[in-house]
Structure formats: structure tokens, C-alpha cells
Amino acid sequence: MTKNATIALKEKAFNIHFIGLLVYADKIPADGEYMEGVFVSDSRLRGEENIIIAKKAFVVADQEAMIVKLRMEDGSIHTVSQDLKNYRKIDFTTYDINLHLGATILAKFTDKYKEIEEMTISEIFEKNGEGYFRQLETLIMEEISNTMQDTVLSVGGGLPMTEKNHKYLKKIGKVIYLKVSEQTVIERLKGESGRPLLSGDDATEMIYRLLSQRHPTYQMLADVVIDTDDMQIEEVVDEIIRQNLLNEEGNR
């Protein structure tokens, strides 16, 4: 018997609960029964990296087989070999991925971090301050860098501003700067909460100030820079792959 199930996934964040998978959903309704705008990085098959993009996805439980699956609809699979020499794209109507729920990277942390796992970023900022949050970021980056290589990882805009994190980012893989204009950031963040640095009345001014401060570091750290204004997610993925292939050719 198969039926829809729910798992504690957060929208607009890369969820790392599953072995070898990063799961991103642009929107998860309050009931949690489905996801929209789904992006998955699947590195479970040695020698290949699969990027899977789908309009919609459901978590499905097969009680007889005791398997939980992520069932995606109307999407495409982008596969790149580890040496970046081979690329293929497959469109699908329905595609299933088995989810292994028994382990998570965050499970390696000690009990004193359990409370933090249940707090939002805004709550951590309010209770402990930005400095404490940045220390947590670096601690997690160090842990991730020891367990993940050549992995798609989306980080917060402030993380690269801590110099110690640079070596961890480089250890994980190539650093790709998805560059956007200030106006694009303003449009994308309309009505969005949960960003403590933009919680004041002068959010627009703060966006201009932060990008001005951060851009030189992003530019210096990046292996690839892509201007993503007016680009759809599928176009961004294709451009990342194209740029990586060009860089690989240039290094020969």
C-alpha cells in the first residue's frame, strides 16, 4: 500500500536530511503534502552528479516495502560525469528517488546543538547574536567539508564573509557566484520574512549596502561567476554546466 507522507523539510532551503541528497523546494504549503519548484542534487552514484529539477513533488510511503520515496513530476535530470567530460539530459513525467532516513549529517552534532536545530535564523540572531550564528555556520561548514566533496551546496550570503569558511567552500568543490542586481534581490525578497539583517525599515538601503560590501569577496572567491538576472532555474543549471565544461577544457 502506497500513500502520501510528510517529512520535515523547509522551503527555500537546501535540506540535508538524506544520505547523498540535497533537496530544495521553492514552496511547501502548510499541510506539507507536496512541494513546488523542486531541485535535487543526487551524488549517491560514484562518478556522477545528478541534478533533478521538477515542477512538483510528493513524499510517498510504501508501507509494504518499508520505503519512502520522493516522487517528482514534470521535470528533467541533468547528469554530469565526475571528469566533466560527459553530460546528458533526460525529461520525465514522473521520477522516483528512494529516501534513506536513518542518517543525517546534523545527527553528528552533540546534544547541546539540539535546541539550535529547532530555532529559526531570526531566533538565533535575537537570542544569541550574529557573532554566535556565524560561529555555528563555520562549525557546520567544517563538518560538511569533511563529508561532502563536489557537492551542490547553497549557503547564506554572509557565510563567505568569514575568511575561515573560504577553505571549507573550496574543499567541498567549485565556488559558483550566482550574481544578481540589487533590484532583482529586492523583487525576490518582497514579502519574505526570516532574514534578520533585512528586518528593519531600511531593508532596501541595507540590500544595497550588503551587496556593495560582499561583492568583492564573492568575486574573489568564485571559480565561476554567472549573472542570473532574468534567468530561470533551468537556464542557470545549464549555464553552470556549460561554464564548468569550458573551464575544464581550458585547463587541459
Protein backbone atom coordinates (compact mmCIF):
# COMPACT_ATOMS: atom_id res chain seq x y z
CA MET A 1 0.00 0.00 0.00
CA THR A 2 1.36 3.39 -1.01
CA LYS A 3 0.24 6.75 0.36
CA ASN A 4 1.40 10.33 0.67
CA ALA A 5 3.62 11.03 3.67
CA THR A 6 5.18 14.09 5.24
CA ILE A 7 8.79 14.77 6.22
CA ALA A 8 10.11 17.87 8.00
CA LEU A 9 11.51 19.75 5.01
CA LYS A 10 11.93 23.52 4.90
CA GLU A 11 11.09 25.61 1.87
CA LYS A 12 13.65 27.91 0.24
CA ALA A 13 16.49 25.99 1.92
CA PHE A 14 18.73 23.07 0.99
CA ASN A 15 17.69 20.15 3.20
CA ILE A 16 20.47 17.67 4.01
CA HIS A 17 18.49 15.04 5.92
CA PHE A 18 19.16 12.28 3.41
CA ILE A 19 22.36 10.42 2.57
CA GLY A 20 23.84 11.69 -0.69
CA LEU A 21 20.96 14.07 -1.41
CA LEU A 22 20.32 17.77 -1.15
CA VAL A 23 16.63 18.68 -1.53
CA TYR A 24 15.38 22.21 -2.23
CA ALA A 25 11.74 23.26 -2.58
CA ASP A 26 10.70 26.76 -3.54
CA LYS A 27 7.29 26.33 -1.91
CA ILE A 28 5.79 23.88 0.62
CA PRO A 29 2.14 24.52 1.58
CA ALA A 30 1.21 24.46 5.26
CA ASP A 31 -0.13 20.90 5.09
CA GLY A 32 3.25 19.69 3.78
CA GLU A 33 1.66 17.19 1.41
CA TYR A 34 3.53 18.34 -1.69
CA MET A 35 6.33 20.66 -2.86
CA GLU A 36 6.65 23.07 -5.77
CA GLY A 37 9.77 24.20 -7.62
CA VAL A 38 11.88 21.20 -6.55
CA PHE A 39 15.66 20.96 -7.06
CA VAL A 40 17.61 17.85 -6.00
CA SER A 41 21.34 17.16 -6.09
CA ASP A 42 21.94 13.39 -6.10
CA SER A 43 25.57 12.33 -5.56
CA ARG A 44 24.91 8.74 -4.46
CA LEU A 45 26.20 7.18 -7.67
CA ARG A 46 30.00 7.28 -7.69
CA GLY A 47 31.47 9.12 -10.64
CA GLU A 48 28.28 11.04 -11.48
CA GLU A 49 26.34 14.02 -10.19
CA ASN A 50 22.62 14.19 -10.98
CA ILE A 51 20.75 17.49 -10.81
CA ILE A 52 16.99 16.88 -10.87
CA ILE A 53 14.51 19.71 -11.41
CA ALA A 54 10.73 19.23 -11.14
CA LYS A 55 7.65 21.40 -11.04
CA LYS A 56 6.09 19.36 -8.23
CA ALA A 57 6.98 16.54 -5.82
CA PHE A 58 5.33 14.33 -3.20
CA VAL A 59 6.80 12.24 -0.40
CA VAL A 60 5.31 8.75 -0.82
CA ALA A 61 5.49 5.90 1.69
CA ASP A 62 5.30 2.27 0.52
CA GLN A 63 4.31 0.57 3.77
CA GLU A 64 4.70 -2.98 2.47
CA ALA A 65 8.23 -2.42 1.16
CA MET A 66 9.02 -0.05 4.05
CA ILE A 67 10.40 2.52 1.60
CA VAL A 68 9.90 6.28 1.48
CA LYS A 69 10.21 7.91 -1.94
CA LEU A 70 10.32 11.42 -3.32
CA ARG A 71 8.02 11.28 -6.34
CA MET A 72 8.69 14.14 -8.75
CA GLU A 73 6.52 15.24 -11.66
CA ASP A 74 7.20 17.16 -14.90
CA GLY A 75 10.92 17.70 -14.77
CA SER A 76 14.36 16.84 -16.08
CA ILE A 77 17.51 15.03 -14.96
CA HIS A 78 20.89 16.62 -15.71
CA THR A 79 23.83 14.23 -15.33
CA VAL A 80 27.48 15.26 -15.37
CA SER A 81 30.41 12.83 -15.11
CA GLN A 82 33.00 13.49 -12.42
CA ASP A 83 35.61 14.49 -15.00
CA LEU A 84 33.07 16.94 -16.51
CA LYS A 85 33.54 15.37 -19.96
CA ASN A 86 30.06 13.90 -20.36
CA TYR A 87 26.65 15.50 -19.93
CA ARG A 88 23.15 14.22 -20.63
CA LYS A 89 19.64 15.50 -20.04
CA ILE A 90 16.51 13.36 -19.66
CA ASP A 91 12.99 14.79 -19.41
CA PHE A 92 10.42 12.90 -17.35
CA THR A 93 6.75 12.92 -16.44
CA THR A 94 7.26 11.01 -13.17
CA TYR A 95 10.50 10.11 -11.41
CA ASP A 96 11.04 8.45 -8.01
CA ILE A 97 14.01 8.70 -5.63
CA ASN A 98 14.33 6.44 -2.59
CA LEU A 99 14.97 8.41 0.61
CA HIS A 100 17.20 6.95 3.32
CA LEU A 101 16.01 8.47 6.58
CA GLY A 102 18.31 6.68 9.01
CA ALA A 103 21.18 9.15 8.92
CA THR A 104 21.81 12.87 8.60
CA ILE A 105 24.89 14.97 8.76
CA LEU A 106 23.45 17.07 11.55
CA ALA A 107 22.99 13.96 13.69
CA LYS A 108 26.74 14.06 14.32
CA PHE A 109 26.42 17.14 16.47
CA THR A 110 26.22 16.83 20.26
CA ASP A 111 23.13 17.34 22.40
CA LYS A 112 23.93 20.98 23.10
CA TYR A 113 23.04 21.83 19.47
CA LYS A 114 19.61 20.15 19.51
CA GLU A 115 17.94 23.34 20.72
CA ILE A 116 19.61 25.32 17.92
CA GLU A 117 18.27 22.88 15.29
CA GLU A 118 14.72 23.81 16.33
CA MET A 119 15.32 27.58 16.10
CA THR A 120 14.96 29.82 13.06
CA ILE A 121 17.84 32.04 11.96
CA SER A 122 15.97 35.09 13.27
CA GLU A 123 15.54 33.44 16.67
CA ILE A 124 19.25 32.61 16.87
CA PHE A 125 20.14 36.21 15.97
CA GLU A 126 17.71 37.56 18.57
CA LYS A 127 18.73 35.21 21.38
CA ASN A 128 22.46 34.78 20.80
CA GLY A 129 23.53 37.50 18.35
CA GLU A 130 25.03 37.44 14.86
CA GLY A 131 28.52 36.51 16.11
CA TYR A 132 27.24 33.29 17.65
CA PHE A 133 25.34 32.43 14.45
CA ARG A 134 28.50 32.94 12.37
CA GLN A 135 30.39 30.58 14.69
CA LEU A 136 27.72 27.94 14.12
CA GLU A 137 27.98 28.46 10.37
CA THR A 138 31.72 27.83 10.47
CA LEU A 139 31.31 24.76 12.70
CA ILE A 140 28.78 23.26 10.28
CA MET A 141 30.91 24.15 7.25
CA GLU A 142 33.88 22.36 8.78
CA GLU A 143 31.76 19.25 9.38
CA ILE A 144 30.23 19.32 5.90
CA SER A 145 33.62 19.80 4.22
CA ASN A 146 34.81 16.54 5.81
CA THR A 147 31.86 14.55 4.47
CA MET A 148 30.97 16.20 1.14
CA GLN A 149 33.08 16.83 -1.94
CA ASP A 150 31.96 18.03 -5.38
CA THR A 151 28.51 18.66 -3.94
CA VAL A 152 25.91 21.32 -4.70
CA LEU A 153 25.58 23.41 -1.54
CA SER A 154 23.68 26.69 -1.25
CA VAL A 155 24.99 28.96 1.52
CA GLY A 156 23.76 32.16 3.10
CA GLY A 157 25.08 35.46 1.78
CA GLY A 158 27.02 36.21 4.96
CA LEU A 159 28.89 32.91 5.14
CA PRO A 160 31.64 33.76 2.60
CA MET A 161 32.42 36.94 4.59
CA THR A 162 34.05 34.79 7.29
CA GLU A 163 37.53 34.14 5.92
CA LYS A 164 37.87 30.76 7.68
CA ASN A 165 34.96 29.46 5.59
CA HIS A 166 36.84 30.02 2.33
CA LYS A 167 38.95 26.88 2.71
CA TYR A 168 35.88 24.80 3.55
CA LEU A 169 33.99 26.05 0.49
CA LYS A 170 36.97 25.28 -1.75
CA LYS A 171 37.33 21.83 -0.17
CA ILE A 172 33.69 20.99 -0.94
CA GLY A 173 34.03 21.90 -4.62
CA LYS A 174 33.98 24.74 -7.09
CA VAL A 175 32.54 28.01 -5.81
CA ILE A 176 29.91 29.48 -8.12
CA TYR A 177 28.73 33.06 -7.61
CA LEU A 178 25.16 33.48 -8.89
CA LYS A 179 25.30 37.23 -9.32
CA VAL A 180 22.15 39.37 -9.20
CA SER A 181 21.45 43.10 -9.22
CA GLU A 182 20.18 44.94 -6.17
CA GLN A 183 16.78 45.42 -7.84
CA THR A 184 16.46 41.67 -8.51
CA VAL A 185 17.19 40.92 -4.84
CA ILE A 186 14.54 43.44 -3.77
CA GLU A 187 11.96 41.86 -6.10
CA ARG A 188 12.75 38.31 -4.98
CA LEU A 189 12.55 39.14 -1.28
CA LYS A 190 9.26 41.02 -1.39
CA GLY A 191 7.02 39.76 1.41
CA GLU A 192 9.65 37.34 2.69
CA SER A 193 10.49 37.23 6.41
CA GLY A 194 13.18 35.38 8.34
CA ARG A 195 16.20 37.46 7.25
CA PRO A 196 17.33 39.28 10.39
CA LEU A 197 19.72 41.65 8.63
CA LEU A 198 16.83 42.89 6.46
CA SER A 199 14.19 43.10 9.19
CA GLY A 200 14.39 46.89 9.70
CA ASP A 201 12.55 49.71 7.96
CA ASP A 202 15.53 50.43 5.69
CA ALA A 203 15.69 46.96 4.08
CA THR A 204 16.26 48.38 0.59
CA GLU A 205 19.17 50.52 1.76
CA MET A 206 20.61 47.51 3.61
CA ILE A 207 20.45 45.37 0.44
CA TYR A 208 22.49 47.96 -1.48
CA ARG A 209 24.97 48.23 1.41
CA LEU A 210 25.40 44.46 1.87
CA LEU A 211 25.89 43.76 -1.83
CA SER A 212 28.42 46.59 -2.06
CA GLN A 213 30.35 45.12 0.88
CA ARG A 214 30.08 41.50 -0.18
CA HIS A 215 30.54 41.62 -3.95
CA PRO A 216 34.38 41.93 -3.90
CA THR A 217 34.66 38.87 -1.64
CA TYR A 218 32.20 36.86 -3.73
CA GLN A 219 34.09 37.81 -6.89
CA MET A 220 37.49 36.94 -5.40
CA LEU A 221 36.33 33.58 -4.02
CA ALA A 222 34.34 32.38 -7.03
CA ASP A 223 35.66 29.90 -9.59
CA VAL A 224 32.71 30.78 -11.83
CA VAL A 225 30.57 33.95 -11.92
CA ILE A 226 27.14 33.84 -13.60
CA ASP A 227 24.83 36.84 -13.96
CA THR A 228 21.42 35.30 -13.19
CA ASP A 229 19.17 38.33 -13.68
CA ASP A 230 16.15 37.31 -15.80
CA MET A 231 17.24 33.64 -15.84
CA GLN A 232 15.04 30.66 -14.95
CA ILE A 233 16.46 27.91 -12.73
CA GLU A 234 16.83 25.50 -15.69
CA GLU A 235 18.83 28.14 -17.57
CA VAL A 236 21.07 28.69 -14.54
CA VAL A 237 21.77 24.95 -14.27
CA ASP A 238 22.60 24.71 -17.99
CA GLU A 239 24.94 27.73 -17.74
CA ILE A 240 26.73 26.29 -14.68
CA ILE A 241 27.34 23.06 -16.59
CA ARG A 242 28.48 24.95 -19.70
CA GLN A 243 30.90 27.14 -17.72
CA ASN A 244 32.36 24.11 -15.91
CA LEU A 245 32.92 22.30 -19.19
CA LEU A 246 34.62 25.38 -20.65
CA ASN A 247 36.88 25.71 -17.61
CA GLU A 248 37.78 22.04 -17.81
CA GLU A 249 38.72 22.43 -21.49
CA GLY A 250 40.81 25.49 -20.68
CA ASN A 251 42.78 23.67 -18.00
CA ARG A 252 43.94 20.90 -20.33
